Amino acid sequence: MALNISAAVLMLVIVVVMIRRSGLKMSHAIICSLLGFYLASSSIAPSIQQVTSNLAGMLNGLKL
């Protein structure tokens, strides 16, 4: 669960930076957020969660 919260915070920070620096419009950010909510309630949500968990595990296993 901590991974989901930190991923959400990271995505929020990226969106805020893109709004301020890259000219992302607020309407675009809202549409992207709504798409995320719809994807979360769709049948593809478990697949997205599995890919995200696998990617986080892979990044966690990297030795720098």
PDB file of N, CA and C in Angstrom:
ATOM      1  N   MET A   1       0.817  -1.197   0.000  1.00  0.00           N
ATOM      2  CA  MET A   1       0.000   0.000   0.000  1.00  0.00           C
ATOM      3  C   MET A   1       0.857   1.256   0.000  1.00  0.00           C
ATOM      4  N   ALA A   2       1.995   1.222   0.659  1.00  0.00           N
ATOM      5  CA  ALA A   2       2.872   2.390   0.690  1.00  0.00           C
ATOM      6  C   ALA A   2       3.388   2.720  -0.699  1.00  0.00           C
ATOM      7  N   LEU A   3       3.588   1.696  -1.513  1.00  0.00           N
ATOM      8  CA  LEU A   3       4.047   1.921  -2.880  1.00  0.00           C
ATOM      9  C   LEU A   3       3.005   2.685  -3.674  1.00  0.00           C
ATOM     10  N   ASN A   4       1.732   2.340  -3.526  1.00  0.00           N
ATOM     11  CA  ASN A   4       0.677   3.035  -4.250  1.00  0.00           C
ATOM     12  C   ASN A   4       0.595   4.500  -3.855  1.00  0.00           C
ATOM     13  N   ILE A   5       0.756   4.779  -2.583  1.00  0.00           N
ATOM     14  CA  ILE A   5       0.688   6.167  -2.129  1.00  0.00           C
ATOM     15  C   ILE A   5       1.882   6.950  -2.654  1.00  0.00           C
ATOM     16  N   SER A   6       3.075   6.386  -2.585  1.00  0.00           N
ATOM     17  CA  SER A   6       4.243   7.113  -3.050  1.00  0.00           C
ATOM     18  C   SER A   6       4.213   7.284  -4.565  1.00  0.00           C
ATOM     19  N   ALA A   7       3.684   6.306  -5.308  1.00  0.00           N
ATOM     20  CA  ALA A   7       3.563   6.454  -6.754  1.00  0.00           C
ATOM     21  C   ALA A   7       2.570   7.562  -7.089  1.00  0.00           C
ATOM     22  N   ALA A   8       1.489   7.639  -6.331  1.00  0.00           N
ATOM     23  CA  ALA A   8       0.497   8.689  -6.565  1.00  0.00           C
ATOM     24  C   ALA A   8       1.087  10.066  -6.269  1.00  0.00           C
ATOM     25  N   VAL A   9       1.855  10.170  -5.209  1.00  0.00           N
ATOM     26  CA  VAL A   9       2.489  11.451  -4.868  1.00  0.00           C
ATOM     27  C   VAL A   9       3.509  11.827  -5.942  1.00  0.00           C
ATOM     28  N   LEU A  10       4.281  10.856  -6.411  1.00  0.00           N
ATOM     29  CA  LEU A  10       5.252  11.123  -7.472  1.00  0.00           C
ATOM     30  C   LEU A  10       4.556  11.605  -8.742  1.00  0.00           C
ATOM     31  N   MET A  11       3.466  10.966  -9.114  1.00  0.00           N
ATOM     32  CA  MET A  11       2.720  11.388 -10.306  1.00  0.00           C
ATOM     33  C   MET A  11       2.131  12.781 -10.128  1.00  0.00           C
ATOM     34  N   LEU A  12       1.657  13.088  -8.931  1.00  0.00           N
ATOM     35  CA  LEU A  12       1.129  14.417  -8.659  1.00  0.00           C
ATOM     36  C   LEU A  12       2.218  15.478  -8.815  1.00  0.00           C
ATOM     37  N   VAL A  13       3.400  15.192  -8.304  1.00  0.00           N
ATOM     38  CA  VAL A  13       4.521  16.131  -8.425  1.00  0.00           C
ATOM     39  C   VAL A  13       4.880  16.330  -9.897  1.00  0.00           C
ATOM     40  N   ILE A  14       4.901  15.252 -10.665  1.00  0.00           N
ATOM     41  CA  ILE A  14       5.221  15.359 -12.094  1.00  0.00           C
ATOM     42  C   ILE A  14       4.192  16.215 -12.810  1.00  0.00           C
ATOM     43  N   VAL A  15       2.913  16.023 -12.500  1.00  0.00           N
ATOM     44  CA  VAL A  15       1.860  16.814 -13.134  1.00  0.00           C
ATOM     45  C   VAL A  15       1.994  18.285 -12.765  1.00  0.00           C
ATOM     46  N   VAL A  16       2.267  18.581 -11.505  1.00  0.00           N
ATOM     47  CA  VAL A  16       2.427  19.976 -11.080  1.00  0.00           C
ATOM     48  C   VAL A  16       3.604  20.619 -11.799  1.00  0.00           C
ATOM     49  N   VAL A  17       4.716  19.894 -11.915  1.00  0.00           N
ATOM     50  CA  VAL A  17       5.886  20.428 -12.620  1.00  0.00           C
ATOM     51  C   VAL A  17       5.556  20.652 -14.090  1.00  0.00           C
ATOM     52  N   MET A  18       4.830  19.719 -14.694  1.00  0.00           N
ATOM     53  CA  MET A  18       4.480  19.872 -16.109  1.00  0.00           C
ATOM     54  C   MET A  18       3.533  21.046 -16.329  1.00  0.00           C
ATOM     55  N   ILE A  19       2.651  21.288 -15.376  1.00  0.00           N
ATOM     56  CA  ILE A  19       1.748  22.435 -15.500  1.00  0.00           C
ATOM     57  C   ILE A  19       2.547  23.726 -15.441  1.00  0.00           C
ATOM     58  N   ARG A  20       3.508  23.795 -14.545  1.00  0.00           N
ATOM     59  CA  ARG A  20       4.272  25.036 -14.356  1.00  0.00           C
ATOM     60  C   ARG A  20       5.339  25.247 -15.424  1.00  0.00           C
ATOM     61  N   ARG A  21       6.026  24.181 -15.834  1.00  0.00           N
ATOM     62  CA  ARG A  21       7.183  24.337 -16.717  1.00  0.00           C
ATOM     63  C   ARG A  21       6.883  24.048 -18.188  1.00  0.00           C
ATOM     64  N   SER A  22       6.109  23.024 -18.466  1.00  0.00           N
ATOM     65  CA  SER A  22       5.952  22.549 -19.840  1.00  0.00           C
ATOM     66  C   SER A  22       4.708  23.079 -20.531  1.00  0.00           C
ATOM     67  N   GLY A  23       3.933  23.852 -19.863  1.00  0.00           N
ATOM     68  CA  GLY A  23       2.745  24.410 -20.473  1.00  0.00           C
ATOM     69  C   GLY A  23       1.573  23.449 -20.535  1.00  0.00           C
ATOM     70  N   LEU A  24       1.569  22.434 -19.679  1.00  0.00           N
ATOM     71  CA  LEU A  24       0.420  21.528 -19.616  1.00  0.00           C
ATOM     72  C   LEU A  24      -0.759  22.312 -19.065  1.00  0.00           C
ATOM     73  N   LYS A  25      -1.851  22.265 -19.776  1.00  0.00           N
ATOM     74  CA  LYS A  25      -3.030  23.003 -19.338  1.00  0.00           C
ATOM     75  C   LYS A  25      -3.741  22.242 -18.232  1.00  0.00           C
ATOM     76  N   MET A  26      -4.418  22.967 -17.378  1.00  0.00           N
ATOM     77  CA  MET A  26      -5.141  22.357 -16.266  1.00  0.00           C
ATOM     78  C   MET A  26      -6.214  21.403 -16.787  1.00  0.00           C
ATOM     79  N   SER A  27      -6.851  21.754 -17.889  1.00  0.00           N
ATOM     80  CA  SER A  27      -7.880  20.867 -18.443  1.00  0.00           C
ATOM     81  C   SER A  27      -7.282  19.531 -18.876  1.00  0.00           C
ATOM     82  N   HIS A  28      -6.072  19.549 -19.420  1.00  0.00           N
ATOM     83  CA  HIS A  28      -5.403  18.303 -19.795  1.00  0.00           C
ATOM     84  C   HIS A  28      -5.099  17.453 -18.567  1.00  0.00           C
ATOM     85  N   ALA A  29      -4.655  18.090 -17.500  1.00  0.00           N
ATOM     86  CA  ALA A  29      -4.349  17.365 -16.272  1.00  0.00           C
ATOM     87  C   ALA A  29      -5.613  16.739 -15.677  1.00  0.00           C
ATOM     88  N   ILE A  30      -6.720  17.451 -15.735  1.00  0.00           N
ATOM     89  CA  ILE A  30      -7.980  16.919 -15.215  1.00  0.00           C
ATOM     90  C   ILE A  30      -8.446  15.739 -16.045  1.00  0.00           C
ATOM     91  N   ILE A  31      -8.336  15.840 -17.361  1.00  0.00           N
ATOM     92  CA  ILE A  31      -8.733  14.732 -18.232  1.00  0.00           C
ATOM     93  C   ILE A  31      -7.860  13.509 -17.970  1.00  0.00           C
ATOM     94  N   CYS A  32      -6.567  13.705 -17.788  1.00  0.00           N
ATOM     95  CA  CYS A  32      -5.670  12.583 -17.477  1.00  0.00           C
ATOM     96  C   CYS A  32      -6.041  11.952 -16.134  1.00  0.00           C
ATOM     97  N   SER A  33      -6.404  12.763 -15.166  1.00  0.00           N
ATOM     98  CA  SER A  33      -6.816  12.234 -13.864  1.00  0.00           C
ATOM     99  C   SER A  33      -8.105  11.427 -13.974  1.00  0.00           C
ATOM    100  N   LEU A  34      -9.047  11.925 -14.732  1.00  0.00           N
ATOM    101  CA  LEU A  34     -10.293  11.182 -14.930  1.00  0.00           C
ATOM    102  C   LEU A  34     -10.036   9.863 -15.647  1.00  0.00           C
ATOM    103  N   LEU A  35      -9.137   9.869 -16.619  1.00  0.00           N
ATOM    104  CA  LEU A  35      -8.779   8.630 -17.300  1.00  0.00           C
ATOM    105  C   LEU A  35      -8.204   7.626 -16.302  1.00  0.00           C
ATOM    106  N   GLY A  36      -7.394   8.092 -15.372  1.00  0.00           N
ATOM    107  CA  GLY A  36      -6.842   7.217 -14.342  1.00  0.00           C
ATOM    108  C   GLY A  36      -7.923   6.599 -13.474  1.00  0.00           C
ATOM    109  N   PHE A  37      -8.923   7.391 -13.103  1.00  0.00           N
ATOM    110  CA  PHE A  37     -10.021   6.856 -12.298  1.00  0.00           C
ATOM    111  C   PHE A  37     -10.823   5.817 -13.073  1.00  0.00           C
ATOM    112  N   TYR A  38     -11.057   6.079 -14.351  1.00  0.00           N
ATOM    113  CA  TYR A  38     -11.787   5.112 -15.160  1.00  0.00           C
ATOM    114  C   TYR A  38     -10.985   3.839 -15.362  1.00  0.00           C
ATOM    115  N   LEU A  39      -9.668   3.957 -15.566  1.00  0.00           N
ATOM    116  CA  LEU A  39      -8.833   2.769 -15.707  1.00  0.00           C
ATOM    117  C   LEU A  39      -8.799   1.961 -14.416  1.00  0.00           C
ATOM    118  N   ALA A  40      -8.830   2.651 -13.278  1.00  0.00           N
ATOM    119  CA  ALA A  40      -8.788   1.955 -11.990  1.00  0.00           C
ATOM    120  C   ALA A  40     -10.028   1.113 -11.755  1.00  0.00           C
ATOM    121  N   SER A  41     -11.141   1.500 -12.343  1.00  0.00           N
ATOM    122  CA  SER A  41     -12.363   0.730 -12.144  1.00  0.00           C
ATOM    123  C   SER A  41     -12.652  -0.222 -13.300  1.00  0.00           C
ATOM    124  N   SER A  42     -11.728  -0.310 -14.263  1.00  0.00           N
ATOM    125  CA  SER A  42     -11.957  -1.179 -15.415  1.00  0.00           C
ATOM    126  C   SER A  42     -11.383  -2.574 -15.159  1.00  0.00           C
ATOM    127  N   SER A  43     -11.589  -3.458 -16.108  1.00  0.00           N
ATOM    128  CA  SER A  43     -11.089  -4.829 -15.973  1.00  0.00           C
ATOM    129  C   SER A  43      -9.584  -4.917 -16.204  1.00  0.00           C
ATOM    130  N   ILE A  44      -8.978  -3.874 -16.730  1.00  0.00           N
ATOM    131  CA  ILE A  44      -7.540  -3.881 -16.984  1.00  0.00           C
ATOM    132  C   ILE A  44      -6.742  -3.423 -15.756  1.00  0.00           C
ATOM    133  N   ALA A  45      -7.413  -2.956 -14.726  1.00  0.00           N
ATOM    134  CA  ALA A  45      -6.748  -2.438 -13.526  1.00  0.00           C
ATOM    135  C   ALA A  45      -5.798  -3.452 -12.879  1.00  0.00           C
ATOM    136  N   PRO A  46      -6.170  -4.734 -12.715  1.00  0.00           N
ATOM    137  CA  PRO A  46      -5.216  -5.688 -12.118  1.00  0.00           C
ATOM    138  C   PRO A  46      -3.939  -5.853 -12.941  1.00  0.00           C
ATOM    139  N   SER A  47      -4.064  -5.798 -14.257  1.00  0.00           N
ATOM    140  CA  SER A  47      -2.873  -5.911 -15.117  1.00  0.00           C
ATOM    141  C   SER A  47      -1.960  -4.705 -14.945  1.00  0.00           C
ATOM    142  N   ILE A  48      -2.556  -3.512 -14.874  1.00  0.00           N
ATOM    143  CA  ILE A  48      -1.765  -2.298 -14.673  1.00  0.00           C
ATOM    144  C   ILE A  48      -1.069  -2.348 -13.319  1.00  0.00           C
ATOM    145  N   GLN A  49      -1.774  -2.812 -12.292  1.00  0.00           N
ATOM    146  CA  GLN A  49      -1.182  -2.906 -10.957  1.00  0.00           C
ATOM    147  C   GLN A  49      -0.048  -3.924 -10.941  1.00  0.00           C
ATOM    148  N   GLN A  50      -0.202  -5.031 -11.650  1.00  0.00           N
ATOM    149  CA  GLN A  50       0.842  -6.046 -11.687  1.00  0.00           C
ATOM    150  C   GLN A  50       2.087  -5.521 -12.394  1.00  0.00           C
ATOM    151  N   VAL A  51       1.911  -4.841 -13.512  1.00  0.00           N
ATOM    152  CA  VAL A  51       3.051  -4.273 -14.232  1.00  0.00           C
ATOM    153  C   VAL A  51       3.766  -3.240 -13.364  1.00  0.00           C
ATOM    154  N   THR A  52       2.998  -2.399 -12.686  1.00  0.00           N
ATOM    155  CA  THR A  52       3.588  -1.384 -11.818  1.00  0.00           C
ATOM    156  C   THR A  52       4.361  -2.023 -10.668  1.00  0.00           C
ATOM    157  N   SER A  53       3.794  -3.055 -10.070  1.00  0.00           N
ATOM    158  CA  SER A  53       4.477  -3.750  -8.970  1.00  0.00           C
ATOM    159  C   SER A  53       5.750  -4.435  -9.453  1.00  0.00           C
ATOM    160  N   ASN A  54       5.692  -5.062 -10.625  1.00  0.00           N
ATOM    161  CA  ASN A  54       6.877  -5.709 -11.174  1.00  0.00           C
ATOM    162  C   ASN A  54       7.969  -4.696 -11.494  1.00  0.00           C
ATOM    163  N   LEU A  55       7.590  -3.557 -12.039  1.00  0.00           N
ATOM    164  CA  LEU A  55       8.559  -2.509 -12.349  1.00  0.00           C
ATOM    165  C   LEU A  55       9.189  -1.954 -11.073  1.00  0.00           C
ATOM    166  N   ALA A  56       8.368  -1.739 -10.045  1.00  0.00           N
ATOM    167  CA  ALA A  56       8.902  -1.244  -8.773  1.00  0.00           C
ATOM    168  C   ALA A  56       9.834  -2.266  -8.141  1.00  0.00           C
ATOM    169  N   GLY A  57       9.489  -3.549  -8.222  1.00  0.00           N
ATOM    170  CA  GLY A  57      10.373  -4.588  -7.704  1.00  0.00           C
ATOM    171  C   GLY A  57      11.681  -4.653  -8.453  1.00  0.00           C
ATOM    172  N   MET A  58      11.611  -4.481  -9.770  1.00  0.00           N
ATOM    173  CA  MET A  58      12.825  -4.489 -10.578  1.00  0.00           C
ATOM    174  C   MET A  58      13.720  -3.297 -10.224  1.00  0.00           C
ATOM    175  N   LEU A  59      13.119  -2.113 -10.069  1.00  0.00           N
ATOM    176  CA  LEU A  59      13.893  -0.925  -9.698  1.00  0.00           C
ATOM    177  C   LEU A  59      14.463  -1.061  -8.297  1.00  0.00           C
ATOM    178  N   ASN A  60      13.727  -1.713  -7.404  1.00  0.00           N
ATOM    179  CA  ASN A  60      14.193  -1.908  -6.039  1.00  0.00           C
ATOM    180  C   ASN A  60      15.389  -2.856  -6.005  1.00  0.00           C
ATOM    181  N   GLY A  61      15.431  -3.788  -6.947  1.00  0.00           N
ATOM    182  CA  GLY A  61      16.517  -4.765  -6.970  1.00  0.00           C
ATOM    183  C   GLY A  61      17.797  -4.268  -7.601  1.00  0.00           C
ATOM    184  N   LEU A  62      17.784  -3.072  -8.202  1.00  0.00           N
ATOM    185  CA  LEU A  62      18.984  -2.543  -8.838  1.00  0.00           C
ATOM    186  C   LEU A  62      20.018  -2.158  -7.779  1.00  0.00           C
ATOM    187  N   LYS A  63      21.227  -2.532  -8.021  1.00  0.00           N
ATOM    188  CA  LYS A  63      22.340  -2.151  -7.137  1.00  0.00           C
ATOM    189  C   LYS A  63      23.119  -1.035  -7.813  1.00  0.00           C
ATOM    190  N   LEU A  64      23.192   0.108  -7.175  1.00  0.00           N
ATOM    191  CA  LEU A  64      23.915   1.253  -7.755  1.00  0.00           C
ATOM    192  C   LEU A  64      25.281   1.402  -7.160  1.00  0.00           C
TER     193      LEU A  64
END
